[in-house]
Structures are given as structure tokens and as C-alpha cells.
PDB file of N, CA and C in Angstrom:
ATOM      1  N   MET A   1       0.477 -28.985  42.857  1.00  0.00           N
ATOM      2  CA  MET A   1      -0.535 -28.987  43.759  1.00  0.00           C
ATOM      3  C   MET A   1      -0.241 -28.489  44.867  1.00  0.00           C
ATOM      4  N   PRO A   2      -0.888 -27.631  45.774  1.00  0.00           N
ATOM      5  CA  PRO A   2      -0.330 -27.084  46.872  1.00  0.00           C
ATOM      6  C   PRO A   2      -0.867 -28.293  47.977  1.00  0.00           C
ATOM      7  N   GLN A   3       0.120 -28.101  49.133  1.00  0.00           N
ATOM      8  CA  GLN A   3      -0.270 -28.820  50.017  1.00  0.00           C
ATOM      9  C   GLN A   3      -1.521 -28.592  51.121  1.00  0.00           C
ATOM     10  N   PRO A   4      -2.074 -29.369  51.541  1.00  0.00           N
ATOM     11  CA  PRO A   4      -3.324 -29.347  52.417  1.00  0.00           C
ATOM     12  C   PRO A   4      -2.655 -28.772  53.717  1.00  0.00           C
ATOM     13  N   LYS A   5      -3.784 -27.743  53.992  1.00  0.00           N
ATOM     14  CA  LYS A   5      -3.539 -26.833  55.295  1.00  0.00           C
ATOM     15  C   LYS A   5      -3.536 -27.872  56.741  1.00  0.00           C
ATOM     16  N   LYS A   6      -2.736 -27.590  57.299  1.00  0.00           N
ATOM     17  CA  LYS A   6      -2.965 -28.674  58.593  1.00  0.00           C
ATOM     18  C   LYS A   6      -3.735 -28.042  59.629  1.00  0.00           C
ATOM     19  N   ILE A   7      -4.608 -28.762  60.016  1.00  0.00           N
ATOM     20  CA  ILE A   7      -5.677 -28.543  61.026  1.00  0.00           C
ATOM     21  C   ILE A   7      -4.983 -28.576  62.283  1.00  0.00           C
ATOM     22  N   LYS A   8      -4.921 -27.594  63.267  1.00  0.00           N
ATOM     23  CA  LYS A   8      -4.573 -27.688  64.553  1.00  0.00           C
ATOM     24  C   LYS A   8      -5.786 -27.786  65.751  1.00  0.00           C
ATOM     25  N   THR A   9      -5.710 -28.960  66.166  1.00  0.00           N
ATOM     26  CA  THR A   9      -6.782 -29.264  67.309  1.00  0.00           C
ATOM     27  C   THR A   9      -5.966 -29.385  68.632  1.00  0.00           C
ATOM     28  N   LYS A  10      -6.809 -29.169  69.576  1.00  0.00           N
ATOM     29  CA  LYS A  10      -6.413 -29.147  71.005  1.00  0.00           C
ATOM     30  C   LYS A  10      -6.121 -30.797  71.442  1.00  0.00           C
ATOM     31  N   PHE A  11      -6.565 -31.768  70.741  1.00  0.00           N
ATOM     32  CA  PHE A  11      -6.600 -33.093  71.030  1.00  0.00           C
ATOM     33  C   PHE A  11      -5.875 -33.814  70.100  1.00  0.00           C
ATOM     34  N   PRO A  12      -4.917 -34.596  70.364  1.00  0.00           N
ATOM     35  CA  PRO A  12      -3.953 -35.183  69.320  1.00  0.00           C
ATOM     36  C   PRO A  12      -4.627 -36.161  68.579  1.00  0.00           C
ATOM     37  N   ALA A  13      -4.752 -35.956  67.104  1.00  0.00           N
ATOM     38  CA  ALA A  13      -5.505 -36.882  66.176  1.00  0.00           C
ATOM     39  C   ALA A  13      -4.636 -38.294  66.253  1.00  0.00           C
ATOM     40  N   ALA A  14      -3.283 -38.409  66.739  1.00  0.00           N
ATOM     41  CA  ALA A  14      -2.891 -39.902  66.748  1.00  0.00           C
ATOM     42  C   ALA A  14      -3.610 -40.537  67.796  1.00  0.00           C
ATOM     43  N   ARG A  15      -3.710 -40.141  69.058  1.00  0.00           N
ATOM     44  CA  ARG A  15      -4.224 -40.759  69.840  1.00  0.00           C
ATOM     45  C   ARG A  15      -5.686 -41.083  69.796  1.00  0.00           C
ATOM     46  N   ILE A  16      -6.587 -40.171  69.195  1.00  0.00           N
ATOM     47  CA  ILE A  16      -7.859 -40.403  68.619  1.00  0.00           C
ATOM     48  C   ILE A  16      -7.710 -41.572  67.798  1.00  0.00           C
ATOM     49  N   LYS A  17      -6.969 -41.615  66.780  1.00  0.00           N
ATOM     50  CA  LYS A  17      -7.008 -42.847  65.860  1.00  0.00           C
ATOM     51  C   LYS A  17      -6.570 -43.696  66.450  1.00  0.00           C
ATOM     52  N   ARG A  18      -5.571 -44.185  67.662  1.00  0.00           N
ATOM     53  CA  ARG A  18      -5.490 -45.313  68.136  1.00  0.00           C
ATOM     54  C   ARG A  18      -6.377 -45.824  69.047  1.00  0.00           C
ATOM     55  N   ILE A  19      -7.294 -44.559  69.673  1.00  0.00           N
ATOM     56  CA  ILE A  19      -8.380 -45.076  70.063  1.00  0.00           C
ATOM     57  C   ILE A  19      -9.440 -45.849  69.346  1.00  0.00           C
ATOM     58  N   MET A  20      -9.704 -45.229  68.070  1.00  0.00           N
ATOM     59  CA  MET A  20     -10.564 -45.757  67.415  1.00  0.00           C
ATOM     60  C   MET A  20     -10.384 -47.139  66.858  1.00  0.00           C
ATOM     61  N   ARG A  21      -8.966 -47.465  66.541  1.00  0.00           N
ATOM     62  CA  ARG A  21      -8.469 -48.616  66.203  1.00  0.00           C
ATOM     63  C   ARG A  21      -8.663 -49.684  67.366  1.00  0.00           C
ATOM     64  N   LEU A  22      -8.725 -49.525  68.661  1.00  0.00           N
ATOM     65  CA  LEU A  22      -9.413 -50.493  69.392  1.00  0.00           C
ATOM     66  C   LEU A  22     -10.333 -51.114  69.436  1.00  0.00           C
ATOM     67  N   ASP A  23     -11.304 -50.475  68.718  1.00  0.00           N
ATOM     68  CA  ASP A  23     -12.543 -50.892  68.386  1.00  0.00           C
ATOM     69  C   ASP A  23     -12.556 -52.271  67.086  1.00  0.00           C
ATOM     70  N   GLU A  24     -12.770 -53.172  67.371  1.00  0.00           N
ATOM     71  CA  GLU A  24     -12.780 -54.261  66.180  1.00  0.00           C
ATOM     72  C   GLU A  24     -13.358 -53.816  65.142  1.00  0.00           C
ATOM     73  N   ASP A  25     -14.641 -53.426  65.206  1.00  0.00           N
ATOM     74  CA  ASP A  25     -15.523 -53.262  64.252  1.00  0.00           C
ATOM     75  C   ASP A  25     -15.069 -51.957  63.430  1.00  0.00           C
ATOM     76  N   VAL A  26     -14.194 -51.177  63.747  1.00  0.00           N
ATOM     77  CA  VAL A  26     -13.479 -49.941  62.761  1.00  0.00           C
ATOM     78  C   VAL A  26     -12.365 -50.572  62.082  1.00  0.00           C
ATOM     79  N   GLY A  27     -12.749 -50.354  60.596  1.00  0.00           N
ATOM     80  CA  GLY A  27     -11.810 -50.755  59.725  1.00  0.00           C
ATOM     81  C   GLY A  27     -10.638 -49.757  59.508  1.00  0.00           C
ATOM     82  N   LYS A  28     -10.312 -49.440  58.544  1.00  0.00           N
ATOM     83  CA  LYS A  28      -9.315 -48.424  57.994  1.00  0.00           C
ATOM     84  C   LYS A  28      -9.915 -46.903  58.640  1.00  0.00           C
ATOM     85  N   VAL A  29      -9.158 -46.105  58.927  1.00  0.00           N
ATOM     86  CA  VAL A  29      -9.402 -44.991  59.314  1.00  0.00           C
ATOM     87  C   VAL A  29      -8.888 -43.684  58.590  1.00  0.00           C
ATOM     88  N   SER A  30      -9.284 -42.928  57.743  1.00  0.00           N
ATOM     89  CA  SER A  30      -8.703 -41.896  56.915  1.00  0.00           C
ATOM     90  C   SER A  30      -8.165 -40.971  57.836  1.00  0.00           C
ATOM     91  N   GLN A  31      -7.057 -40.216  56.835  1.00  0.00           N
ATOM     92  CA  GLN A  31      -6.511 -39.362  58.151  1.00  0.00           C
ATOM     93  C   GLN A  31      -7.341 -38.135  58.286  1.00  0.00           C
ATOM     94  N   VAL A  32      -8.268 -37.460  57.776  1.00  0.00           N
ATOM     95  CA  VAL A  32      -9.078 -36.508  58.227  1.00  0.00           C
ATOM     96  C   VAL A  32     -10.099 -36.945  59.358  1.00  0.00           C
ATOM     97  N   THR A  33     -10.544 -38.107  59.390  1.00  0.00           N
ATOM     98  CA  THR A  33     -11.510 -38.570  60.750  1.00  0.00           C
ATOM     99  C   THR A  33     -11.044 -38.358  62.086  1.00  0.00           C
ATOM    100  N   PRO A  34      -9.690 -38.612  62.342  1.00  0.00           N
ATOM    101  CA  PRO A  34      -9.384 -38.108  63.540  1.00  0.00           C
ATOM    102  C   PRO A  34      -9.533 -36.753  64.088  1.00  0.00           C
ATOM    103  N   VAL A  35      -9.275 -35.677  63.036  1.00  0.00           N
ATOM    104  CA  VAL A  35      -9.150 -34.483  63.073  1.00  0.00           C
ATOM    105  C   VAL A  35     -10.519 -33.991  63.298  1.00  0.00           C
ATOM    106  N   LEU A  36     -11.334 -34.884  62.257  1.00  0.00           N
ATOM    107  CA  LEU A  36     -12.839 -34.152  62.436  1.00  0.00           C
ATOM    108  C   LEU A  36     -13.718 -34.604  63.674  1.00  0.00           C
ATOM    109  N   ILE A  37     -13.144 -35.852  64.432  1.00  0.00           N
ATOM    110  CA  ILE A  37     -13.677 -36.090  65.759  1.00  0.00           C
ATOM    111  C   ILE A  37     -12.960 -35.581  66.810  1.00  0.00           C
ATOM    112  N   ALA A  38     -11.646 -34.648  66.643  1.00  0.00           N
ATOM    113  CA  ALA A  38     -11.215 -34.049  67.718  1.00  0.00           C
ATOM    114  C   ALA A  38     -11.944 -32.548  67.727  1.00  0.00           C
ATOM    115  N   LYS A  39     -12.241 -32.042  66.502  1.00  0.00           N
ATOM    116  CA  LYS A  39     -12.827 -30.777  66.321  1.00  0.00           C
ATOM    117  C   LYS A  39     -14.324 -30.737  66.794  1.00  0.00           C
ATOM    118  N   ALA A  40     -14.859 -32.030  66.798  1.00  0.00           N
ATOM    119  CA  ALA A  40     -16.183 -32.391  67.260  1.00  0.00           C
ATOM    120  C   ALA A  40     -15.996 -32.449  68.815  1.00  0.00           C
ATOM    121  N   LEU A  41     -15.091 -32.947  69.180  1.00  0.00           N
ATOM    122  CA  LEU A  41     -14.831 -33.075  70.654  1.00  0.00           C
ATOM    123  C   LEU A  41     -14.565 -31.698  71.397  1.00  0.00           C
ATOM    124  N   GLU A  42     -13.978 -30.596  70.624  1.00  0.00           N
ATOM    125  CA  GLU A  42     -13.551 -29.385  71.132  1.00  0.00           C
ATOM    126  C   GLU A  42     -14.947 -28.706  71.275  1.00  0.00           C
ATOM    127  N   SER A  43     -15.816 -28.955  70.169  1.00  0.00           N
ATOM    128  CA  SER A  43     -17.363 -28.120  70.278  1.00  0.00           C
ATOM    129  C   SER A  43     -18.166 -28.703  71.250  1.00  0.00           C
ATOM    130  N   PHE A  44     -18.168 -29.893  71.513  1.00  0.00           N
ATOM    131  CA  PHE A  44     -18.409 -30.602  72.584  1.00  0.00           C
ATOM    132  C   PHE A  44     -18.587 -30.200  73.990  1.00  0.00           C
ATOM    133  N   LEU A  45     -17.327 -30.193  74.005  1.00  0.00           N
ATOM    134  CA  LEU A  45     -16.635 -29.768  75.479  1.00  0.00           C
ATOM    135  C   LEU A  45     -17.189 -28.151  75.753  1.00  0.00           C
ATOM    136  N   GLU A  46     -16.662 -27.484  74.658  1.00  0.00           N
ATOM    137  CA  GLU A  46     -17.215 -26.027  74.726  1.00  0.00           C
ATOM    138  C   GLU A  46     -18.530 -25.650  74.998  1.00  0.00           C
ATOM    139  N   ALA A  47     -19.705 -26.252  74.215  1.00  0.00           N
ATOM    140  CA  ALA A  47     -21.018 -26.102  75.073  1.00  0.00           C
ATOM    141  C   ALA A  47     -20.972 -26.717  76.215  1.00  0.00           C
ATOM    142  N   LEU A  48     -20.465 -27.613  76.705  1.00  0.00           N
ATOM    143  CA  LEU A  48     -20.738 -27.989  77.963  1.00  0.00           C
ATOM    144  C   LEU A  48     -20.344 -27.408  79.073  1.00  0.00           C
ATOM    145  N   VAL A  49     -19.024 -26.834  78.824  1.00  0.00           N
ATOM    146  CA  VAL A  49     -18.497 -25.951  79.805  1.00  0.00           C
ATOM    147  C   VAL A  49     -19.475 -24.660  79.477  1.00  0.00           C
ATOM    148  N   LYS A  50     -19.784 -24.069  78.650  1.00  0.00           N
ATOM    149  CA  LYS A  50     -20.406 -22.817  78.473  1.00  0.00           C
ATOM    150  C   LYS A  50     -21.867 -22.948  79.200  1.00  0.00           C
ATOM    151  N   GLN A  51     -22.471 -24.333  79.074  1.00  0.00           N
ATOM    152  CA  GLN A  51     -23.764 -24.233  79.941  1.00  0.00           C
ATOM    153  C   GLN A  51     -23.416 -24.344  81.275  1.00  0.00           C
ATOM    154  N   THR A  52     -22.656 -25.067  81.809  1.00  0.00           N
ATOM    155  CA  THR A  52     -21.971 -25.221  83.038  1.00  0.00           C
ATOM    156  C   THR A  52     -21.465 -23.945  83.668  1.00  0.00           C
ATOM    157  N   LEU A  53     -20.816 -22.899  82.915  1.00  0.00           N
ATOM    158  CA  LEU A  53     -20.664 -21.769  83.388  1.00  0.00           C
ATOM    159  C   LEU A  53     -21.982 -20.907  83.716  1.00  0.00           C
ATOM    160  N   VAL A  54     -22.946 -21.017  82.910  1.00  0.00           N
ATOM    161  CA  VAL A  54     -24.241 -20.383  83.200  1.00  0.00           C
ATOM    162  C   VAL A  54     -24.948 -20.495  84.349  1.00  0.00           C
ATOM    163  N   GLU A  55     -24.822 -22.075  84.631  1.00  0.00           N
ATOM    164  CA  GLU A  55     -25.426 -22.814  85.983  1.00  0.00           C
ATOM    165  C   GLU A  55     -24.565 -21.963  87.058  1.00  0.00           C
ATOM    166  N   THR A  56     -23.204 -22.126  87.145  1.00  0.00           N
ATOM    167  CA  THR A  56     -22.383 -21.516  88.082  1.00  0.00           C
ATOM    168  C   THR A  56     -22.703 -19.971  88.274  1.00  0.00           C
ATOM    169  N   ASN A  57     -22.811 -19.306  87.185  1.00  0.00           N
ATOM    170  CA  ASN A  57     -23.166 -17.878  87.486  1.00  0.00           C
ATOM    171  C   ASN A  57     -24.454 -17.600  88.184  1.00  0.00           C
ATOM    172  N   GLN A  58     -25.791 -18.356  87.656  1.00  0.00           N
ATOM    173  CA  GLN A  58     -26.782 -18.317  88.225  1.00  0.00           C
ATOM    174  C   GLN A  58     -26.835 -18.339  89.658  1.00  0.00           C
ATOM    175  N   ARG A  59     -26.040 -19.371  90.175  1.00  0.00           N
ATOM    176  CA  ARG A  59     -25.682 -19.428  91.676  1.00  0.00           C
ATOM    177  C   ARG A  59     -25.082 -18.764  92.445  1.00  0.00           C
ATOM    178  N   GLU A  60     -24.264 -17.810  91.341  1.00  0.00           N
ATOM    179  CA  GLU A  60     -23.297 -16.955  92.071  1.00  0.00           C
ATOM    180  C   GLU A  60     -22.176 -17.610  92.941  1.00  0.00           C
ATOM    181  N   ALA A  61     -21.906 -18.722  92.348  1.00  0.00           N
ATOM    182  CA  ALA A  61     -20.706 -19.534  92.875  1.00  0.00           C
ATOM    183  C   ALA A  61     -19.492 -19.001  92.329  1.00  0.00           C
ATOM    184  N   LYS A  62     -18.294 -19.000  92.983  1.00  0.00           N
ATOM    185  CA  LYS A  62     -16.945 -18.889  92.599  1.00  0.00           C
ATOM    186  C   LYS A  62     -16.310 -19.733  91.649  1.00  0.00           C
ATOM    187  N   LYS A  63     -16.653 -20.976  92.160  1.00  0.00           N
ATOM    188  CA  LYS A  63     -15.874 -22.346  91.430  1.00  0.00           C
ATOM    189  C   LYS A  63     -17.146 -23.188  90.951  1.00  0.00           C
ATOM    190  N   MET A  64     -16.562 -23.451  89.714  1.00  0.00           N
ATOM    191  CA  MET A  64     -17.589 -24.437  88.967  1.00  0.00           C
ATOM    192  C   MET A  64     -17.095 -25.784  89.521  1.00  0.00           C
ATOM    193  N   THR A  65     -18.325 -26.443  89.881  1.00  0.00           N
ATOM    194  CA  THR A  65     -17.925 -27.996  90.488  1.00  0.00           C
ATOM    195  C   THR A  65     -18.888 -28.926  89.532  1.00  0.00           C
ATOM    196  N   VAL A  66     -18.814 -30.151  90.025  1.00  0.00           N
ATOM    197  CA  VAL A  66     -19.768 -31.040  89.398  1.00  0.00           C
ATOM    198  C   VAL A  66     -21.176 -31.007  89.529  1.00  0.00           C
ATOM    199  N   ALA A  67     -21.504 -30.517  90.299  1.00  0.00           N
ATOM    200  CA  ALA A  67     -22.774 -30.313  90.989  1.00  0.00           C
ATOM    201  C   ALA A  67     -23.393 -29.343  89.823  1.00  0.00           C
ATOM    202  N   HIS A  68     -22.774 -28.269  89.310  1.00  0.00           N
ATOM    203  CA  HIS A  68     -23.094 -27.284  88.400  1.00  0.00           C
ATOM    204  C   HIS A  68     -23.097 -28.121  87.095  1.00  0.00           C
ATOM    205  N   VAL A  69     -22.052 -29.178  86.922  1.00  0.00           N
ATOM    206  CA  VAL A  69     -22.276 -30.074  85.603  1.00  0.00           C
ATOM    207  C   VAL A  69     -23.433 -30.655  85.456  1.00  0.00           C
ATOM    208  N   LYS A  70     -23.788 -31.197  86.534  1.00  0.00           N
ATOM    209  CA  LYS A  70     -24.909 -32.142  86.513  1.00  0.00           C
ATOM    210  C   LYS A  70     -26.166 -31.339  86.182  1.00  0.00           C
ATOM    211  N   THR A  71     -26.576 -30.040  86.750  1.00  0.00           N
ATOM    212  CA  THR A  71     -27.486 -29.321  86.883  1.00  0.00           C
ATOM    213  C   THR A  71     -27.424 -28.950  85.062  1.00  0.00           C
ATOM    214  N   ALA A  72     -26.420 -28.510  84.564  1.00  0.00           N
ATOM    215  CA  ALA A  72     -26.377 -28.337  83.099  1.00  0.00           C
ATOM    216  C   ALA A  72     -26.729 -29.228  82.203  1.00  0.00           C
ATOM    217  N   VAL A  73     -26.266 -30.471  82.639  1.00  0.00           N
ATOM    218  CA  VAL A  73     -26.832 -31.647  81.836  1.00  0.00           C
ATOM    219  C   VAL A  73     -28.147 -32.140  81.850  1.00  0.00           C
ATOM    220  N   GLN A  74     -28.819 -31.861  83.177  1.00  0.00           N
ATOM    221  CA  GLN A  74     -30.083 -32.003  83.343  1.00  0.00           C
ATOM    222  C   GLN A  74     -30.973 -31.067  82.789  1.00  0.00           C
ATOM    223  N   LYS A  75     -30.636 -29.680  82.453  1.00  0.00           N
ATOM    224  CA  LYS A  75     -31.547 -28.701  82.062  1.00  0.00           C
ATOM    225  C   LYS A  75     -31.277 -28.655  80.459  1.00  0.00           C
ATOM    226  N   GLU A  76     -30.240 -29.175  80.143  1.00  0.00           N
ATOM    227  CA  GLU A  76     -30.066 -28.937  78.353  1.00  0.00           C
ATOM    228  C   GLU A  76     -30.338 -30.237  77.632  1.00  0.00           C
ATOM    229  N   PRO A  77     -31.461 -30.220  77.067  1.00  0.00           N
ATOM    230  CA  PRO A  77     -31.803 -31.536  76.148  1.00  0.00           C
ATOM    231  C   PRO A  77     -30.891 -32.033  75.360  1.00  0.00           C
ATOM    232  N   LYS A  78     -29.778 -31.132  74.772  1.00  0.00           N
ATOM    233  CA  LYS A  78     -28.903 -31.792  73.743  1.00  0.00           C
ATOM    234  C   LYS A  78     -27.886 -32.721  74.717  1.00  0.00           C
ATOM    235  N   PHE A  79     -27.827 -32.452  75.973  1.00  0.00           N
ATOM    236  CA  PHE A  79     -26.854 -33.545  76.927  1.00  0.00           C
ATOM    237  C   PHE A  79     -27.765 -34.357  77.495  1.00  0.00           C
ATOM    238  N   ASP A  80     -29.106 -34.903  77.045  1.00  0.00           N
ATOM    239  CA  ASP A  80     -29.750 -36.213  77.697  1.00  0.00           C
ATOM    240  C   ASP A  80     -28.852 -37.190  77.579  1.00  0.00           C
ATOM    241  N   PHE A  81     -27.941 -37.531  76.645  1.00  0.00           N
ATOM    242  CA  PHE A  81     -27.189 -38.826  76.661  1.00  0.00           C
ATOM    243  C   PHE A  81     -26.122 -38.950  77.519  1.00  0.00           C
ATOM    244  N   LEU A  82     -25.926 -37.684  78.407  1.00  0.00           N
ATOM    245  CA  LEU A  82     -24.942 -37.738  79.712  1.00  0.00           C
ATOM    246  C   LEU A  82     -25.707 -38.107  80.987  1.00  0.00           C
ATOM    247  N   LEU A  83     -27.192 -38.359  80.878  1.00  0.00           N
ATOM    248  CA  LEU A  83     -27.913 -38.385  82.289  1.00  0.00           C
ATOM    249  C   LEU A  83     -27.423 -39.330  83.077  1.00  0.00           C
ATOM    250  N   ASP A  84     -27.068 -40.625  82.429  1.00  0.00           N
ATOM    251  CA  ASP A  84     -26.845 -41.701  83.202  1.00  0.00           C
ATOM    252  C   ASP A  84     -25.270 -41.624  83.915  1.00  0.00           C
ATOM    253  N   LEU A  85     -24.615 -40.907  83.188  1.00  0.00           N
ATOM    254  CA  LEU A  85     -23.241 -40.355  83.763  1.00  0.00           C
ATOM    255  C   LEU A  85     -23.369 -39.571  85.076  1.00  0.00           C
ATOM    256  N   VAL A  86     -24.138 -38.814  84.888  1.00  0.00           N
ATOM    257  CA  VAL A  86     -24.168 -37.494  86.205  1.00  0.00           C
ATOM    258  C   VAL A  86     -25.180 -38.023  87.174  1.00  0.00           C
ATOM    259  N   LYS A  87     -26.028 -38.983  86.954  1.00  0.00           N
ATOM    260  CA  LYS A  87     -27.087 -39.321  88.121  1.00  0.00           C
ATOM    261  C   LYS A  87     -26.487 -39.544  89.453  1.00  0.00           C
ATOM    262  N   ASN A  88     -25.259 -40.105  89.671  1.00  0.00           N
ATOM    263  CA  ASN A  88     -24.759 -39.986  91.106  1.00  0.00           C
ATOM    264  C   ASN A  88     -23.800 -39.029  91.390  1.00  0.00           C
ATOM    265  N   LEU A  89     -23.890 -37.973  90.832  1.00  0.00           N
ATOM    266  CA  LEU A  89     -22.952 -36.625  91.127  1.00  0.00           C
ATOM    267  C   LEU A  89     -24.140 -36.101  92.406  1.00  0.00           C
ATOM    268  N   PRO A  90     -23.370 -35.194  93.027  1.00  0.00           N
ATOM    269  CA  PRO A  90     -24.387 -34.599  94.245  1.00  0.00           C
ATOM    270  C   PRO A  90     -24.988 -33.332  93.472  1.00  0.00           C
ATOM    271  N   ASP A  91     -26.095 -33.421  94.089  1.00  0.00           N
ATOM    272  CA  ASP A  91     -26.725 -32.121  93.739  1.00  0.00           C
ATOM    273  C   ASP A  91     -26.281 -30.893  94.285  1.00  0.00           C
ATOM    274  N   PRO A  92     -26.571 -29.755  93.768  1.00  0.00           N
ATOM    275  CA  PRO A  92     -25.916 -28.506  93.878  1.00  0.00           C
ATOM    276  C   PRO A  92     -26.465 -27.988  95.601  1.00  0.00           C
ATOM    277  N   ASN A  93     -27.644 -28.473  96.162  1.00  0.00           N
ATOM    278  CA  ASN A  93     -28.198 -28.233  97.292  1.00  0.00           C
ATOM    279  C   ASN A  93     -27.409 -29.131  98.343  1.00  0.00           C
ATOM    280  N   GLU A  94     -27.033 -30.353  97.915  1.00  0.00           N
ATOM    281  CA  GLU A  94     -26.508 -31.186  98.803  1.00  0.00           C
ATOM    282  C   GLU A  94     -24.888 -30.653  99.155  1.00  0.00           C
ATOM    283  N   GLU A  95     -24.412 -30.054  97.956  1.00  0.00           N
ATOM    284  CA  GLU A  95     -23.064 -29.866  98.160  1.00  0.00           C
ATOM    285  C   GLU A  95     -22.891 -28.731  99.114  1.00  0.00           C
ATOM    286  N   SER A  96     -24.054 -27.513  99.037  1.00  0.00           N
ATOM    287  CA  SER A  96     -23.674 -26.530  99.933  1.00  0.00           C
ATOM    288  C   SER A  96     -24.250 -26.613 101.240  1.00  0.00           C
ATOM    289  N   GLU A  97     -24.487 -27.579 101.447  1.00  0.00           N
ATOM    290  CA  GLU A  97     -24.645 -28.225 103.071  1.00  0.00           C
ATOM    291  C   GLU A  97     -23.557 -28.560 103.718  1.00  0.00           C
ATOM    292  N   LYS A  98     -22.478 -28.697 103.140  1.00  0.00           N
ATOM    293  CA  LYS A  98     -21.233 -29.277 103.466  1.00  0.00           C
ATOM    294  C   LYS A  98     -20.699 -28.311 104.639  1.00  0.00           C
ATOM    295  N   PRO A  99     -20.462 -28.880 105.977  1.00  0.00           N
ATOM    296  CA  PRO A  99     -19.862 -27.697 106.895  1.00  0.00           C
ATOM    297  C   PRO A  99     -18.559 -27.359 106.720  1.00  0.00           C
ATOM    298  N   LYS A 100     -18.559 -26.054 106.659  1.00  0.00           N
ATOM    299  CA  LYS A 100     -17.547 -25.251 106.164  1.00  0.00           C
ATOM    300  C   LYS A 100     -16.451 -25.169 107.411  1.00  0.00           C
ATOM    301  N   ARG A 101     -15.232 -25.387 107.082  1.00  0.00           N
ATOM    302  CA  ARG A 101     -14.165 -25.314 108.477  1.00  0.00           C
ATOM    303  C   ARG A 101     -14.296 -23.854 108.883  1.00  0.00           C
ATOM    304  N   LYS A 102     -13.837 -23.640 109.938  1.00  0.00           N
ATOM    305  CA  LYS A 102     -13.874 -22.352 110.803  1.00  0.00           C
ATOM    306  C   LYS A 102     -12.433 -22.034 110.720  1.00  0.00           C
ATOM    307  N   ARG A 103     -12.051 -20.852 110.589  1.00  0.00           N
ATOM    308  CA  ARG A 103     -10.410 -20.247 111.000  1.00  0.00           C
ATOM    309  C   ARG A 103     -10.587 -19.935 112.435  1.00  0.00           C
ATOM    310  N   ARG A 104      -9.640 -20.474 113.046  1.00  0.00           N
ATOM    311  CA  ARG A 104      -9.220 -19.949 114.409  1.00  0.00           C
ATOM    312  C   ARG A 104      -8.677 -18.512 114.217  1.00  0.00           C
ATOM    313  N   SER A 105      -9.057 -17.633 115.361  1.00  0.00           N
ATOM    314  CA  SER A 105      -8.179 -16.486 115.637  1.00  0.00           C
ATOM    315  C   SER A 105      -7.066 -16.791 116.492  1.00  0.00           C
ATOM    316  N   LYS A 106      -6.162 -16.010 116.476  1.00  0.00           N
ATOM    317  CA  LYS A 106      -4.653 -15.847 116.938  1.00  0.00           C
ATOM    318  C   LYS A 106      -5.193 -16.402 118.855  1.00  0.00           C
ATOM    319  N   LYS A 107      -6.015 -15.487 119.027  1.00  0.00           N
ATOM    320  CA  LYS A 107      -6.631 -15.551 120.658  1.00  0.00           C
ATOM    321  C   LYS A 107      -6.830 -16.888 121.096  1.00  0.00           C
ATOM    322  N   GLU A 108      -7.967 -17.695 119.998  1.00  0.00           N
ATOM    323  CA  GLU A 108      -8.155 -19.074 120.471  1.00  0.00           C
ATOM    324  C   GLU A 108      -6.968 -19.888 120.260  1.00  0.00           C
ATOM    325  N   MET A 109      -6.119 -19.850 119.262  1.00  0.00           N
ATOM    326  CA  MET A 109      -5.002 -20.797 119.304  1.00  0.00           C
ATOM    327  C   MET A 109      -4.218 -20.298 120.540  1.00  0.00           C
ATOM    328  N   GLU A 110      -3.854 -19.142 120.947  1.00  0.00           N
ATOM    329  CA  GLU A 110      -2.909 -18.962 122.225  1.00  0.00           C
ATOM    330  C   GLU A 110      -3.811 -19.554 123.302  1.00  0.00           C
ATOM    331  N   ALA A 111      -5.306 -19.531 123.461  1.00  0.00           N
ATOM    332  CA  ALA A 111      -5.911 -19.983 124.699  1.00  0.00           C
ATOM    333  C   ALA A 111      -5.654 -21.564 124.474  1.00  0.00           C
ATOM    334  N   GLU A 112      -5.682 -22.029 123.397  1.00  0.00           N
ATOM    335  CA  GLU A 112      -5.786 -23.600 123.531  1.00  0.00           C
ATOM    336  C   GLU A 112      -4.295 -24.039 123.758  1.00  0.00           C
ATOM    337  N   LYS A 113      -3.121 -23.107 123.275  1.00  0.00           N
ATOM    338  CA  LYS A 113      -1.836 -23.718 123.880  1.00  0.00           C
ATOM    339  C   LYS A 113      -1.513 -23.470 125.246  1.00  0.00           C
ATOM    340  N   GLY A 114      -2.296 -22.246 125.817  1.00  0.00           N
ATOM    341  CA  GLY A 114      -2.088 -22.266 127.183  1.00  0.00           C
ATOM    342  C   GLY A 114      -2.814 -23.319 127.978  1.00  0.00           C
ATOM    343  N   ALA A 115      -3.959 -23.770 127.593  1.00  0.00           N
ATOM    344  CA  ALA A 115      -4.408 -24.809 128.341  1.00  0.00           C
ATOM    345  C   ALA A 115      -4.216 -26.201 128.370  1.00  0.00           C
ATOM    346  N   GLU A 116      -3.124 -26.585 126.948  1.00  0.00           N
ATOM    347  CA  GLU A 116      -2.402 -27.833 126.988  1.00  0.00           C
ATOM    348  C   GLU A 116      -1.297 -27.645 127.810  1.00  0.00           C
ATOM    349  N   GLN A 117      -0.588 -26.351 128.039  1.00  0.00           N
ATOM    350  CA  GLN A 117       0.375 -26.365 128.970  1.00  0.00           C
ATOM    351  C   GLN A 117       0.325 -26.490 130.439  1.00  0.00           C
ATOM    352  N   GLU A 118      -0.880 -26.261 130.821  1.00  0.00           N
ATOM    353  CA  GLU A 118      -1.464 -26.313 132.422  1.00  0.00           C
ATOM    354  C   GLU A 118      -1.638 -27.715 132.901  1.00  0.00           C
TER     355      GLU A 118
END
């Protein structure tokens, strides 16, 4: 009988199995169950990141932020179960209102040093 092919996942099956055992309601866990959960987790995260990327690109942002994740969750019905988790995250509009630090030129820095020395 040939050996079953080992499935490679990005999340360690042993850790998933350990987390599952923490729940008292969970009995014995077959070997394939943590692998299936790991694959499902990968698919879920891939979908969430892709939707977040769409939001990031629509706003022409260079960095993906938690505000983009929040918008992605709010717009996509399949992520409705995450709404309670993202409700306290900043909205994209609030995030863009943060004052940006202005770089000082060499002249401004030299003028400041000169004023301090006097």
C-alpha cells in the first residue's frame, strides 16, 4: 500500500490540533482534521487579504492598513461574522486626517541651531 502524500500547509497542524484539544467539547481529533482546518484558514486569509487589497487599490494607498481591512469586511457579505471585531477599528477617513510630520530643511535646522546658540 503506498504511503499517503504529505500535505504541506503554511500553518502547523500540530499547533492547530493543540488548540483544538483546549476545548473540552472536542473529543479525539483525526490526523487529517488539523490539515483541513489549516487549508481552510489559508483560503480564508487569502480571500480577506485579496478583498483588502481591492480596497487599498481603490483608495490609491501605498500601504494596506487596518482601515482597509475594516472596509473590506463591511463591504463583503461573507465576512459579516467579523463585523463585531472590526467595529472599533479606525475608519479610512479618520485615518487620513492624521497630521503628517513635516520634514525640516537644512536651512531651517541651521537657523534653529543659530537661534539656540545666541
